[in-house]
mmCIF file of all heavy atoms, coordinates in Angstrom:
data_MODEL
# 
_entry.id   MODEL 
# 
loop_
_atom_site.group_PDB 
_atom_site.id 
_atom_site.type_symbol 
_atom_site.label_atom_id 
_atom_site.label_alt_id 
_atom_site.label_comp_id 
_atom_site.label_asym_id 
_atom_site.label_entity_id 
_atom_site.label_seq_id 
_atom_site.pdbx_PDB_ins_code 
_atom_site.Cartn_x 
_atom_site.Cartn_y 
_atom_site.Cartn_z 
_atom_site.occupancy 
_atom_site.B_iso_or_equiv 
_atom_site.pdbx_formal_charge 
_atom_site.auth_seq_id 
_atom_site.auth_comp_id 
_atom_site.auth_asym_id 
_atom_site.auth_atom_id 
_atom_site.pdbx_PDB_model_num 
ATOM 1   N N   . ASN A 1 1  ? 113.023 108.787 92.297  1.00 0.00 ? 1  ASN A N   1 
ATOM 2   C CA  . ASN A 1 1  ? 112.415 109.703 93.216  1.00 0.00 ? 1  ASN A CA  1 
ATOM 3   C C   . ASN A 1 1  ? 111.447 110.639 92.516  1.00 0.00 ? 1  ASN A C   1 
ATOM 4   O O   . ASN A 1 1  ? 110.322 110.860 92.986  1.00 0.00 ? 1  ASN A O   1 
ATOM 5   C CB  . ASN A 1 1  ? 113.433 110.588 93.961  1.00 0.00 ? 1  ASN A CB  1 
ATOM 6   C CG  . ASN A 1 1  ? 114.041 109.899 95.156  1.00 0.00 ? 1  ASN A CG  1 
ATOM 7   O OD1 . ASN A 1 1  ? 115.300 109.952 95.346  1.00 0.00 ? 1  ASN A OD1 1 
ATOM 8   N ND2 . ASN A 1 1  ? 113.261 109.291 96.008  1.00 0.00 ? 1  ASN A ND2 1 
ATOM 9   N N   . TYR A 1 2  ? 111.863 111.209 91.413  1.00 0.00 ? 2  TYR A N   1 
ATOM 10  C CA  . TYR A 1 2  ? 111.021 112.144 90.698  1.00 0.00 ? 2  TYR A CA  1 
ATOM 11  C C   . TYR A 1 2  ? 109.837 111.443 90.036  1.00 0.00 ? 2  TYR A C   1 
ATOM 12  O O   . TYR A 1 2  ? 108.752 111.974 90.026  1.00 0.00 ? 2  TYR A O   1 
ATOM 13  C CB  . TYR A 1 2  ? 111.836 112.920 89.647  1.00 0.00 ? 2  TYR A CB  1 
ATOM 14  C CG  . TYR A 1 2  ? 112.580 114.073 90.292  1.00 0.00 ? 2  TYR A CG  1 
ATOM 15  C CD1 . TYR A 1 2  ? 113.978 114.046 90.437  1.00 0.00 ? 2  TYR A CD1 1 
ATOM 16  C CD2 . TYR A 1 2  ? 111.919 115.183 90.785  1.00 0.00 ? 2  TYR A CD2 1 
ATOM 17  C CE1 . TYR A 1 2  ? 114.669 115.078 90.988  1.00 0.00 ? 2  TYR A CE1 1 
ATOM 18  C CE2 . TYR A 1 2  ? 112.600 116.232 91.360  1.00 0.00 ? 2  TYR A CE2 1 
ATOM 19  C CZ  . TYR A 1 2  ? 113.988 116.185 91.460  1.00 0.00 ? 2  TYR A CZ  1 
ATOM 20  O OH  . TYR A 1 2  ? 114.645 117.208 92.038  1.00 0.00 ? 2  TYR A OH  1 
ATOM 21  N N   . VAL A 1 3  ? 110.077 110.254 89.491  1.00 0.00 ? 3  VAL A N   1 
ATOM 22  C CA  . VAL A 1 3  ? 108.982 109.542 88.801  1.00 0.00 ? 3  VAL A CA  1 
ATOM 23  C C   . VAL A 1 3  ? 107.895 109.114 89.775  1.00 0.00 ? 3  VAL A C   1 
ATOM 24  O O   . VAL A 1 3  ? 106.709 109.199 89.465  1.00 0.00 ? 3  VAL A O   1 
ATOM 25  C CB  . VAL A 1 3  ? 109.575 108.305 88.035  1.00 0.00 ? 3  VAL A CB  1 
ATOM 26  C CG1 . VAL A 1 3  ? 108.447 107.388 87.574  1.00 0.00 ? 3  VAL A CG1 1 
ATOM 27  C CG2 . VAL A 1 3  ? 110.423 108.775 86.877  1.00 0.00 ? 3  VAL A CG2 1 
ATOM 28  N N   . LYS A 1 4  ? 108.272 108.692 90.997  1.00 0.00 ? 4  LYS A N   1 
ATOM 29  C CA  . LYS A 1 4  ? 107.298 108.147 91.971  1.00 0.00 ? 4  LYS A CA  1 
ATOM 30  C C   . LYS A 1 4  ? 106.906 109.117 93.054  1.00 0.00 ? 4  LYS A C   1 
ATOM 31  O O   . LYS A 1 4  ? 106.148 108.809 93.920  1.00 0.00 ? 4  LYS A O   1 
ATOM 32  C CB  . LYS A 1 4  ? 107.878 106.870 92.606  1.00 0.00 ? 4  LYS A CB  1 
ATOM 33  C CG  . LYS A 1 4  ? 108.066 105.739 91.641  1.00 0.00 ? 4  LYS A CG  1 
ATOM 34  C CD  . LYS A 1 4  ? 106.728 105.270 91.122  1.00 0.00 ? 4  LYS A CD  1 
ATOM 35  C CE  . LYS A 1 4  ? 106.838 103.977 90.348  1.00 0.00 ? 4  LYS A CE  1 
ATOM 36  N NZ  . LYS A 1 4  ? 105.529 103.438 90.035  1.00 0.00 ? 4  LYS A NZ  1 
ATOM 37  N N   . ARG A 1 5  ? 107.451 110.343 92.983  1.00 0.00 ? 5  ARG A N   1 
ATOM 38  C CA  . ARG A 1 5  ? 107.168 111.315 94.053  1.00 0.00 ? 5  ARG A CA  1 
ATOM 39  C C   . ARG A 1 5  ? 105.683 111.605 94.222  1.00 0.00 ? 5  ARG A C   1 
ATOM 40  O O   . ARG A 1 5  ? 105.182 111.742 95.336  1.00 0.00 ? 5  ARG A O   1 
ATOM 41  C CB  . ARG A 1 5  ? 107.899 112.623 93.752  1.00 0.00 ? 5  ARG A CB  1 
ATOM 42  C CG  . ARG A 1 5  ? 107.733 113.660 94.802  1.00 0.00 ? 5  ARG A CG  1 
ATOM 43  C CD  . ARG A 1 5  ? 108.729 114.797 94.652  1.00 0.00 ? 5  ARG A CD  1 
ATOM 44  N NE  . ARG A 1 5  ? 108.585 115.505 93.393  1.00 0.00 ? 5  ARG A NE  1 
ATOM 45  C CZ  . ARG A 1 5  ? 109.186 116.653 93.140  1.00 0.00 ? 5  ARG A CZ  1 
ATOM 46  N NH1 . ARG A 1 5  ? 109.970 117.204 94.054  1.00 0.00 ? 5  ARG A NH1 1 
ATOM 47  N NH2 . ARG A 1 5  ? 109.046 117.229 91.998  1.00 0.00 ? 5  ARG A NH2 1 
ATOM 48  N N   . SER A 1 6  ? 104.947 111.641 93.135  1.00 0.00 ? 6  SER A N   1 
ATOM 49  C CA  . SER A 1 6  ? 103.502 111.921 93.260  1.00 0.00 ? 6  SER A CA  1 
ATOM 50  C C   . SER A 1 6  ? 102.772 110.805 94.010  1.00 0.00 ? 6  SER A C   1 
ATOM 51  O O   . SER A 1 6  ? 101.790 111.025 94.716  1.00 0.00 ? 6  SER A O   1 
ATOM 52  C CB  . SER A 1 6  ? 102.859 112.153 91.888  1.00 0.00 ? 6  SER A CB  1 
ATOM 53  O OG  . SER A 1 6  ? 102.983 110.974 91.113  1.00 0.00 ? 6  SER A OG  1 
ATOM 54  N N   . GLU A 1 7  ? 103.226 109.564 93.849  1.00 0.00 ? 7  GLU A N   1 
ATOM 55  C CA  . GLU A 1 7  ? 102.630 108.445 94.592  1.00 0.00 ? 7  GLU A CA  1 
ATOM 56  C C   . GLU A 1 7  ? 102.885 108.543 96.103  1.00 0.00 ? 7  GLU A C   1 
ATOM 57  O O   . GLU A 1 7  ? 102.105 108.044 96.881  1.00 0.00 ? 7  GLU A O   1 
ATOM 58  C CB  . GLU A 1 7  ? 103.135 107.105 94.079  1.00 0.00 ? 7  GLU A CB  1 
ATOM 59  C CG  . GLU A 1 7  ? 102.629 106.758 92.691  1.00 0.00 ? 7  GLU A CG  1 
ATOM 60  C CD  . GLU A 1 7  ? 103.166 105.426 92.215  1.00 0.00 ? 7  GLU A CD  1 
ATOM 61  O OE1 . GLU A 1 7  ? 103.314 104.498 93.058  1.00 0.00 ? 7  GLU A OE1 1 
ATOM 62  O OE2 . GLU A 1 7  ? 103.437 105.291 91.012  1.00 0.00 ? 7  GLU A OE2 1 
ATOM 63  N N   . ALA A 1 8  ? 104.005 109.136 96.452  1.00 0.00 ? 8  ALA A N   1 
ATOM 64  C CA  . ALA A 1 8  ? 104.372 109.274 97.869  1.00 0.00 ? 8  ALA A CA  1 
ATOM 65  C C   . ALA A 1 8  ? 103.645 110.454 98.533  1.00 0.00 ? 8  ALA A C   1 
ATOM 66  O O   . ALA A 1 8  ? 103.521 110.473 99.758  1.00 0.00 ? 8  ALA A O   1 
ATOM 67  C CB  . ALA A 1 8  ? 105.871 109.463 98.017  1.00 0.00 ? 8  ALA A CB  1 
ATOM 68  N N   . ARG A 1 9  ? 103.123 111.367 97.721  1.00 0.00 ? 9  ARG A N   1 
ATOM 69  C CA  . ARG A 1 9  ? 102.457 112.561 98.272  1.00 0.00 ? 9  ARG A CA  1 
ATOM 70  C C   . ARG A 1 9  ? 101.294 112.181 99.188  1.00 0.00 ? 9  ARG A C   1 
ATOM 71  O O   . ARG A 1 9  ? 100.487 111.303 98.854  1.00 0.00 ? 9  ARG A O   1 
ATOM 72  C CB  . ARG A 1 9  ? 101.993 113.456 97.121  1.00 0.00 ? 9  ARG A CB  1 
ATOM 73  C CG  . ARG A 1 9  ? 101.654 114.882 97.614  1.00 0.00 ? 9  ARG A CG  1 
ATOM 74  C CD  . ARG A 1 9  ? 101.596 115.842 96.465  1.00 0.00 ? 9  ARG A CD  1 
ATOM 75  N NE  . ARG A 1 9  ? 102.966 116.169 96.021  1.00 0.00 ? 9  ARG A NE  1 
ATOM 76  C CZ  . ARG A 1 9  ? 103.394 116.020 94.785  1.00 0.00 ? 9  ARG A CZ  1 
ATOM 77  N NH1 . ARG A 1 9  ? 102.569 115.564 93.836  1.00 0.00 ? 9  ARG A NH1 1 
ATOM 78  N NH2 . ARG A 1 9  ? 104.634 116.302 94.447  1.00 0.00 ? 9  ARG A NH2 1 
ATOM 79  N N   . GLY A 1 10 ? 101.303 112.784 100.369 1.00 0.00 ? 10 GLY A N   1 
ATOM 80  C CA  . GLY A 1 10 ? 100.206 112.489 101.302 1.00 0.00 ? 10 GLY A CA  1 
ATOM 81  C C   . GLY A 1 10 ? 100.506 111.298 102.249 1.00 0.00 ? 10 GLY A C   1 
ATOM 82  O O   . GLY A 1 10 ? 99.706  111.007 103.109 1.00 0.00 ? 10 GLY A O   1 
ATOM 83  N N   . THR A 1 11 ? 101.629 110.653 102.049 1.00 0.00 ? 11 THR A N   1 
ATOM 84  C CA  . THR A 1 11 ? 102.022 109.539 102.918 1.00 0.00 ? 11 THR A CA  1 
ATOM 85  C C   . THR A 1 11 ? 103.270 109.986 103.706 1.00 0.00 ? 11 THR A C   1 
ATOM 86  O O   . THR A 1 11 ? 103.917 110.977 103.355 1.00 0.00 ? 11 THR A O   1 
ATOM 87  C CB  . THR A 1 11 ? 102.368 108.260 102.141 1.00 0.00 ? 11 THR A CB  1 
ATOM 88  O OG1 . THR A 1 11 ? 103.600 108.441 101.437 1.00 0.00 ? 11 THR A OG1 1 
ATOM 89  C CG2 . THR A 1 11 ? 101.274 107.933 101.163 1.00 0.00 ? 11 THR A CG2 1 
ATOM 90  N N   . TRP A 1 12 ? 103.610 109.202 104.718 1.00 0.00 ? 12 TRP A N   1 
ATOM 91  C CA  . TRP A 1 12 ? 104.834 109.553 105.464 1.00 0.00 ? 12 TRP A CA  1 
ATOM 92  C C   . TRP A 1 12 ? 106.102 109.327 104.638 1.00 0.00 ? 12 TRP A C   1 
ATOM 93  O O   . TRP A 1 12 ? 107.155 109.848 104.999 1.00 0.00 ? 12 TRP A O   1 
ATOM 94  C CB  . TRP A 1 12 ? 104.871 108.810 106.792 1.00 0.00 ? 12 TRP A CB  1 
ATOM 95  C CG  . TRP A 1 12 ? 104.841 107.322 106.709 1.00 0.00 ? 12 TRP A CG  1 
ATOM 96  C CD1 . TRP A 1 12 ? 103.777 106.501 106.677 1.00 0.00 ? 12 TRP A CD1 1 
ATOM 97  C CD2 . TRP A 1 12 ? 105.989 106.441 106.619 1.00 0.00 ? 12 TRP A CD2 1 
ATOM 98  N NE1 . TRP A 1 12 ? 104.148 105.173 106.570 1.00 0.00 ? 12 TRP A NE1 1 
ATOM 99  C CE2 . TRP A 1 12 ? 105.512 105.122 106.519 1.00 0.00 ? 12 TRP A CE2 1 
ATOM 100 C CE3 . TRP A 1 12 ? 107.358 106.645 106.601 1.00 0.00 ? 12 TRP A CE3 1 
ATOM 101 C CZ2 . TRP A 1 12 ? 106.321 104.023 106.411 1.00 0.00 ? 12 TRP A CZ2 1 
ATOM 102 C CZ3 . TRP A 1 12 ? 108.196 105.564 106.484 1.00 0.00 ? 12 TRP A CZ3 1 
ATOM 103 C CH2 . TRP A 1 12 ? 107.685 104.264 106.408 1.00 0.00 ? 12 TRP A CH2 1 
ATOM 104 N N   . LEU A 1 13 ? 105.995 108.599 103.541 1.00 0.00 ? 13 LEU A N   1 
ATOM 105 C CA  . LEU A 1 13 ? 107.146 108.413 102.652 1.00 0.00 ? 13 LEU A CA  1 
ATOM 106 C C   . LEU A 1 13 ? 107.486 109.675 101.868 1.00 0.00 ? 13 LEU A C   1 
ATOM 107 O O   . LEU A 1 13 ? 108.606 109.798 101.357 1.00 0.00 ? 13 LEU A O   1 
ATOM 108 C CB  . LEU A 1 13 ? 106.904 107.243 101.697 1.00 0.00 ? 13 LEU A CB  1 
ATOM 109 C CG  . LEU A 1 13 ? 106.955 105.847 102.269 1.00 0.00 ? 13 LEU A CG  1 
ATOM 110 C CD1 . LEU A 1 13 ? 106.690 104.823 101.177 1.00 0.00 ? 13 LEU A CD1 1 
ATOM 111 C CD2 . LEU A 1 13 ? 108.260 105.600 102.970 1.00 0.00 ? 13 LEU A CD2 1 
ATOM 112 N N   . GLU A 1 14 ? 106.553 110.601 101.771 1.00 0.00 ? 14 GLU A N   1 
ATOM 113 C CA  . GLU A 1 14 ? 106.841 111.854 101.058 1.00 0.00 ? 14 GLU A CA  1 
ATOM 114 C C   . GLU A 1 14 ? 108.060 112.539 101.668 1.00 0.00 ? 14 GLU A C   1 
ATOM 115 O O   . GLU A 1 14 ? 108.893 113.074 100.938 1.00 0.00 ? 14 GLU A O   1 
ATOM 116 C CB  . GLU A 1 14 ? 105.616 112.770 101.163 1.00 0.00 ? 14 GLU A CB  1 
ATOM 117 C CG  . GLU A 1 14 ? 105.788 114.074 100.443 1.00 0.00 ? 14 GLU A CG  1 
ATOM 118 C CD  . GLU A 1 14 ? 104.548 114.947 100.482 1.00 0.00 ? 14 GLU A CD  1 
ATOM 119 O OE1 . GLU A 1 14 ? 103.576 114.617 101.175 1.00 0.00 ? 14 GLU A OE1 1 
ATOM 120 O OE2 . GLU A 1 14 ? 104.547 115.970 99.799  1.00 0.00 ? 14 GLU A OE2 1 
ATOM 121 N N   . SER A 1 15 ? 108.211 112.459 102.980 1.00 0.00 ? 15 SER A N   1 
ATOM 122 C CA  . SER A 1 15 ? 109.360 113.094 103.626 1.00 0.00 ? 15 SER A CA  1 
ATOM 123 C C   . SER A 1 15 ? 110.654 112.410 103.234 1.00 0.00 ? 15 SER A C   1 
ATOM 124 O O   . SER A 1 15 ? 111.704 113.030 103.110 1.00 0.00 ? 15 SER A O   1 
ATOM 125 C CB  . SER A 1 15 ? 109.194 113.121 105.135 1.00 0.00 ? 15 SER A CB  1 
ATOM 126 O OG  . SER A 1 15 ? 109.145 111.786 105.653 1.00 0.00 ? 15 SER A OG  1 
ATOM 127 N N   . HIS A 1 16 ? 110.618 111.090 103.038 1.00 0.00 ? 16 HIS A N   1 
ATOM 128 C CA  . HIS A 1 16 ? 111.811 110.359 102.593 1.00 0.00 ? 16 HIS A CA  1 
ATOM 129 C C   . HIS A 1 16 ? 112.185 110.719 101.152 1.00 0.00 ? 16 HIS A C   1 
ATOM 130 O O   . HIS A 1 16 ? 113.391 110.891 100.851 1.00 0.00 ? 16 HIS A O   1 
ATOM 131 C CB  . HIS A 1 16 ? 111.615 108.845 102.723 1.00 0.00 ? 16 HIS A CB  1 
ATOM 132 C CG  . HIS A 1 16 ? 111.696 108.369 104.138 1.00 0.00 ? 16 HIS A CG  1 
ATOM 133 N ND1 . HIS A 1 16 ? 112.902 108.048 104.733 1.00 0.00 ? 16 HIS A ND1 1 
ATOM 134 C CD2 . HIS A 1 16 ? 110.748 108.185 105.083 1.00 0.00 ? 16 HIS A CD2 1 
ATOM 135 C CE1 . HIS A 1 16 ? 112.681 107.700 105.979 1.00 0.00 ? 16 HIS A CE1 1 
ATOM 136 N NE2 . HIS A 1 16 ? 111.379 107.793 106.217 1.00 0.00 ? 16 HIS A NE2 1 
ATOM 137 N N   . PHE A 1 17 ? 111.211 110.853 100.313 1.00 0.00 ? 17 PHE A N   1 
ATOM 138 C CA  . PHE A 1 17 ? 111.483 111.228 98.929  1.00 0.00 ? 17 PHE A CA  1 
ATOM 139 C C   . PHE A 1 17 ? 112.124 112.623 98.904  1.00 0.00 ? 17 PHE A C   1 
ATOM 140 O O   . PHE A 1 17 ? 113.095 112.879 98.195  1.00 0.00 ? 17 PHE A O   1 
ATOM 141 C CB  . PHE A 1 17 ? 110.214 111.212 98.073  1.00 0.00 ? 17 PHE A CB  1 
ATOM 142 C CG  . PHE A 1 17 ? 109.906 109.818 97.549  1.00 0.00 ? 17 PHE A CG  1 
ATOM 143 C CD1 . PHE A 1 17 ? 109.575 108.770 98.397  1.00 0.00 ? 17 PHE A CD1 1 
ATOM 144 C CD2 . PHE A 1 17 ? 109.946 109.585 96.180  1.00 0.00 ? 17 PHE A CD2 1 
ATOM 145 C CE1 . PHE A 1 17 ? 109.325 107.494 97.900  1.00 0.00 ? 17 PHE A CE1 1 
ATOM 146 C CE2 . PHE A 1 17 ? 109.668 108.331 95.672  1.00 0.00 ? 17 PHE A CE2 1 
ATOM 147 C CZ  . PHE A 1 17 ? 109.372 107.284 96.535  1.00 0.00 ? 17 PHE A CZ  1 
ATOM 148 N N   . ARG A 1 18 ? 111.545 113.540 99.681  1.00 0.00 ? 18 ARG A N   1 
ATOM 149 C CA  . ARG A 1 18 ? 112.120 114.911 99.785  1.00 0.00 ? 18 ARG A CA  1 
ATOM 150 C C   . ARG A 1 18 ? 113.554 114.839 100.307 1.00 0.00 ? 18 ARG A C   1 
ATOM 151 O O   . ARG A 1 18 ? 114.471 115.495 99.800  1.00 0.00 ? 18 ARG A O   1 
ATOM 152 C CB  . ARG A 1 18 ? 111.228 115.776 100.641 1.00 0.00 ? 18 ARG A CB  1 
ATOM 153 C CG  . ARG A 1 18 ? 111.637 117.235 100.716 1.00 0.00 ? 18 ARG A CG  1 
ATOM 154 C CD  . ARG A 1 18 ? 110.621 118.103 101.467 1.00 0.00 ? 18 ARG A CD  1 
ATOM 155 N NE  . ARG A 1 18 ? 110.204 117.549 102.732 1.00 0.00 ? 18 ARG A NE  1 
ATOM 156 C CZ  . ARG A 1 18 ? 109.026 117.030 103.002 1.00 0.00 ? 18 ARG A CZ  1 
ATOM 157 N NH1 . ARG A 1 18 ? 108.078 117.004 102.055 1.00 0.00 ? 18 ARG A NH1 1 
ATOM 158 N NH2 . ARG A 1 18 ? 108.723 116.574 104.207 1.00 0.00 ? 18 ARG A NH2 1 
ATOM 159 N N   . TRP A 1 19 ? 113.783 114.022 101.356 1.00 0.00 ? 19 TRP A N   1 
ATOM 160 C CA  . TRP A 1 19 ? 115.112 113.883 101.966 1.00 0.00 ? 19 TRP A CA  1 
ATOM 161 C C   . TRP A 1 19 ? 116.110 113.370 100.936 1.00 0.00 ? 19 TRP A C   1 
ATOM 162 O O   . TRP A 1 19 ? 117.262 113.855 100.846 1.00 0.00 ? 19 TRP A O   1 
ATOM 163 C CB  . TRP A 1 19 ? 114.972 112.915 103.155 1.00 0.00 ? 19 TRP A CB  1 
ATOM 164 C CG  . TRP A 1 19 ? 116.236 112.614 103.912 1.00 0.00 ? 19 TRP A CG  1 
ATOM 165 C CD1 . TRP A 1 19 ? 117.059 111.534 103.764 1.00 0.00 ? 19 TRP A CD1 1 
ATOM 166 C CD2 . TRP A 1 19 ? 116.764 113.369 105.023 1.00 0.00 ? 19 TRP A CD2 1 
ATOM 167 N NE1 . TRP A 1 19 ? 118.054 111.564 104.663 1.00 0.00 ? 19 TRP A NE1 1 
ATOM 168 C CE2 . TRP A 1 19 ? 117.930 112.668 105.464 1.00 0.00 ? 19 TRP A CE2 1 
ATOM 169 C CE3 . TRP A 1 19 ? 116.388 114.527 105.645 1.00 0.00 ? 19 TRP A CE3 1 
ATOM 170 C CZ2 . TRP A 1 19 ? 118.717 113.140 106.517 1.00 0.00 ? 19 TRP A CZ2 1 
ATOM 171 C CZ3 . TRP A 1 19 ? 117.170 114.969 106.716 1.00 0.00 ? 19 TRP A CZ3 1 
ATOM 172 C CH2 . TRP A 1 19 ? 118.300 114.288 107.101 1.00 0.00 ? 19 TRP A CH2 1 
ATOM 173 N N   . GLN A 1 20 ? 115.724 112.341 100.176 1.00 0.00 ? 20 GLN A N   1 
ATOM 174 C CA  . GLN A 1 20 ? 116.609 111.768 99.205  1.00 0.00 ? 20 GLN A CA  1 
ATOM 175 C C   . GLN A 1 20 ? 116.970 112.762 98.068  1.00 0.00 ? 20 GLN A C   1 
ATOM 176 O O   . GLN A 1 20 ? 118.108 112.865 97.638  1.00 0.00 ? 20 GLN A O   1 
ATOM 177 C CB  . GLN A 1 20 ? 115.988 110.472 98.625  1.00 0.00 ? 20 GLN A CB  1 
ATOM 178 C CG  . GLN A 1 20 ? 115.909 109.372 99.635  1.00 0.00 ? 20 GLN A CG  1 
ATOM 179 C CD  . GLN A 1 20 ? 114.963 108.249 99.178  1.00 0.00 ? 20 GLN A CD  1 
ATOM 180 O OE1 . GLN A 1 20 ? 114.051 108.441 98.398  1.00 0.00 ? 20 GLN A OE1 1 
ATOM 181 N NE2 . GLN A 1 20 ? 115.202 107.063 99.716  1.00 0.00 ? 20 GLN A NE2 1 
ATOM 182 N N   . ILE A 1 21 ? 115.934 113.429 97.582  1.00 0.00 ? 21 ILE A N   1 
ATOM 183 C CA  . ILE A 1 21 ? 116.136 114.401 96.484  1.00 0.00 ? 21 ILE A CA  1 
ATOM 184 C C   . ILE A 1 21 ? 117.013 115.542 96.962  1.00 0.00 ? 21 ILE A C   1 
ATOM 185 O O   . ILE A 1 21 ? 117.951 115.947 96.263  1.00 0.00 ? 21 ILE A O   1 
ATOM 186 C CB  . ILE A 1 21 ? 114.782 114.889 95.971  1.00 0.00 ? 21 ILE A CB  1 
ATOM 187 C CG1 . ILE A 1 21 ? 114.061 113.796 95.186  1.00 0.00 ? 21 ILE A CG1 1 
ATOM 188 C CG2 . ILE A 1 21 ? 114.933 116.138 95.096  1.00 0.00 ? 21 ILE A CG2 1 
ATOM 189 C CD1 . ILE A 1 21 ? 112.598 114.087 94.862  1.00 0.00 ? 21 ILE A CD1 1 
ATOM 190 N N   . ARG A 1 22 ? 116.756 116.048 98.150  1.00 0.00 ? 22 ARG A N   1 
ATOM 191 C CA  . ARG A 1 22 ? 117.554 117.158 98.682  1.00 0.00 ? 22 ARG A CA  1 
ATOM 192 C C   . ARG A 1 22 ? 118.994 116.729 98.932  1.00 0.00 ? 22 ARG A C   1 
ATOM 193 O O   . ARG A 1 22 ? 119.940 117.532 98.742  1.00 0.00 ? 22 ARG A O   1 
ATOM 194 C CB  . ARG A 1 22 ? 116.925 117.743 99.931  1.00 0.00 ? 22 ARG A CB  1 
ATOM 195 C CG  . ARG A 1 22 ? 115.699 118.542 99.641  1.00 0.00 ? 22 ARG A CG  1 
ATOM 196 C CD  . ARG A 1 22 ? 115.110 119.099 100.945 1.00 0.00 ? 22 ARG A CD  1 
ATOM 197 N NE  . ARG A 1 22 ? 113.950 119.953 100.627 1.00 0.00 ? 22 ARG A NE  1 
ATOM 198 C CZ  . ARG A 1 22 ? 113.222 120.545 101.535 1.00 0.00 ? 22 ARG A CZ  1 
ATOM 199 N NH1 . ARG A 1 22 ? 113.526 120.370 102.835 1.00 0.00 ? 22 ARG A NH1 1 
ATOM 200 N NH2 . ARG A 1 22 ? 112.209 121.265 101.188 1.00 0.00 ? 22 ARG A NH2 1 
ATOM 201 N N   . THR A 1 23 ? 119.178 115.517 99.383  1.00 0.00 ? 23 THR A N   1 
ATOM 202 C CA  . THR A 1 23 ? 120.525 115.019 99.585  1.00 0.00 ? 23 THR A CA  1 
ATOM 203 C C   . THR A 1 23 ? 121.340 115.090 98.280  1.00 0.00 ? 23 THR A C   1 
ATOM 204 O O   . THR A 1 23 ? 122.458 115.570 98.243  1.00 0.00 ? 23 THR A O   1 
ATOM 205 C CB  . THR A 1 23 ? 120.518 113.573 100.143 1.00 0.00 ? 23 THR A CB  1 
ATOM 206 O OG1 . THR A 1 23 ? 119.835 113.558 101.391 1.00 0.00 ? 23 THR A OG1 1 
ATOM 207 C CG2 . THR A 1 23 ? 121.943 113.010 100.313 1.00 0.00 ? 23 THR A CG2 1 
ATOM 208 N N   . PHE A 1 24 ? 120.737 114.630 97.225  1.00 0.00 ? 24 PHE A N   1 
ATOM 209 C CA  . PHE A 1 24 ? 121.400 114.643 95.936  1.00 0.00 ? 24 PHE A CA  1 
ATOM 210 C C   . PHE A 1 24 ? 121.704 116.083 95.444  1.00 0.00 ? 24 PHE A C   1 
ATOM 211 O O   . PHE A 1 24 ? 122.858 116.426 95.133  1.00 0.00 ? 24 PHE A O   1 
ATOM 212 C CB  . PHE A 1 24 ? 120.533 113.925 94.853  1.00 0.00 ? 24 PHE A CB  1 
ATOM 213 C CG  . PHE A 1 24 ? 121.183 113.878 93.527  1.00 0.00 ? 24 PHE A CG  1 
ATOM 214 C CD1 . PHE A 1 24 ? 122.069 112.856 93.232  1.00 0.00 ? 24 PHE A CD1 1 
ATOM 215 C CD2 . PHE A 1 24 ? 120.936 114.835 92.562  1.00 0.00 ? 24 PHE A CD2 1 
ATOM 216 C CE1 . PHE A 1 24 ? 122.704 112.775 91.983  1.00 0.00 ? 24 PHE A CE1 1 
ATOM 217 C CE2 . PHE A 1 24 ? 121.545 114.782 91.309  1.00 0.00 ? 24 PHE A CE2 1 
ATOM 218 C CZ  . PHE A 1 24 ? 122.426 113.748 91.013  1.00 0.00 ? 24 PHE A CZ  1 
ATOM 219 N N   . TRP A 1 25 ? 120.694 116.966 95.451  1.00 0.00 ? 25 TRP A N   1 
ATOM 220 C CA  . TRP A 1 25 ? 120.878 118.311 94.900  1.00 0.00 ? 25 TRP A CA  1 
ATOM 221 C C   . TRP A 1 25 ? 121.716 119.202 95.784  1.00 0.00 ? 25 TRP A C   1 
ATOM 222 O O   . TRP A 1 25 ? 122.514 119.993 95.259  1.00 0.00 ? 25 TRP A O   1 
ATOM 223 C CB  . TRP A 1 25 ? 119.529 118.955 94.572  1.00 0.00 ? 25 TRP A CB  1 
ATOM 224 C CG  . TRP A 1 25 ? 118.864 118.305 93.413  1.00 0.00 ? 25 TRP A CG  1 
ATOM 225 C CD1 . TRP A 1 25 ? 117.740 117.527 93.410  1.00 0.00 ? 25 TRP A CD1 1 
ATOM 226 C CD2 . TRP A 1 25 ? 119.350 118.263 92.048  1.00 0.00 ? 25 TRP A CD2 1 
ATOM 227 N NE1 . TRP A 1 25 ? 117.475 117.051 92.161  1.00 0.00 ? 25 TRP A NE1 1 
ATOM 228 C CE2 . TRP A 1 25 ? 118.451 117.484 91.300  1.00 0.00 ? 25 TRP A CE2 1 
ATOM 229 C CE3 . TRP A 1 25 ? 120.448 118.811 91.397  1.00 0.00 ? 25 TRP A CE3 1 
ATOM 230 C CZ2 . TRP A 1 25 ? 118.623 117.267 89.966  1.00 0.00 ? 25 TRP A CZ2 1 
ATOM 231 C CZ3 . TRP A 1 25 ? 120.619 118.601 90.039  1.00 0.00 ? 25 TRP A CZ3 1 
ATOM 232 C CH2 . TRP A 1 25 ? 119.697 117.842 89.329  1.00 0.00 ? 25 TRP A CH2 1 
# 
């Protein structure tokens, strides 16, 4: 998630990366 988060920025997948990271933390 952290390694690829910048690639997701600006796409609708950005919200999924945020969701996954927040779930963990």
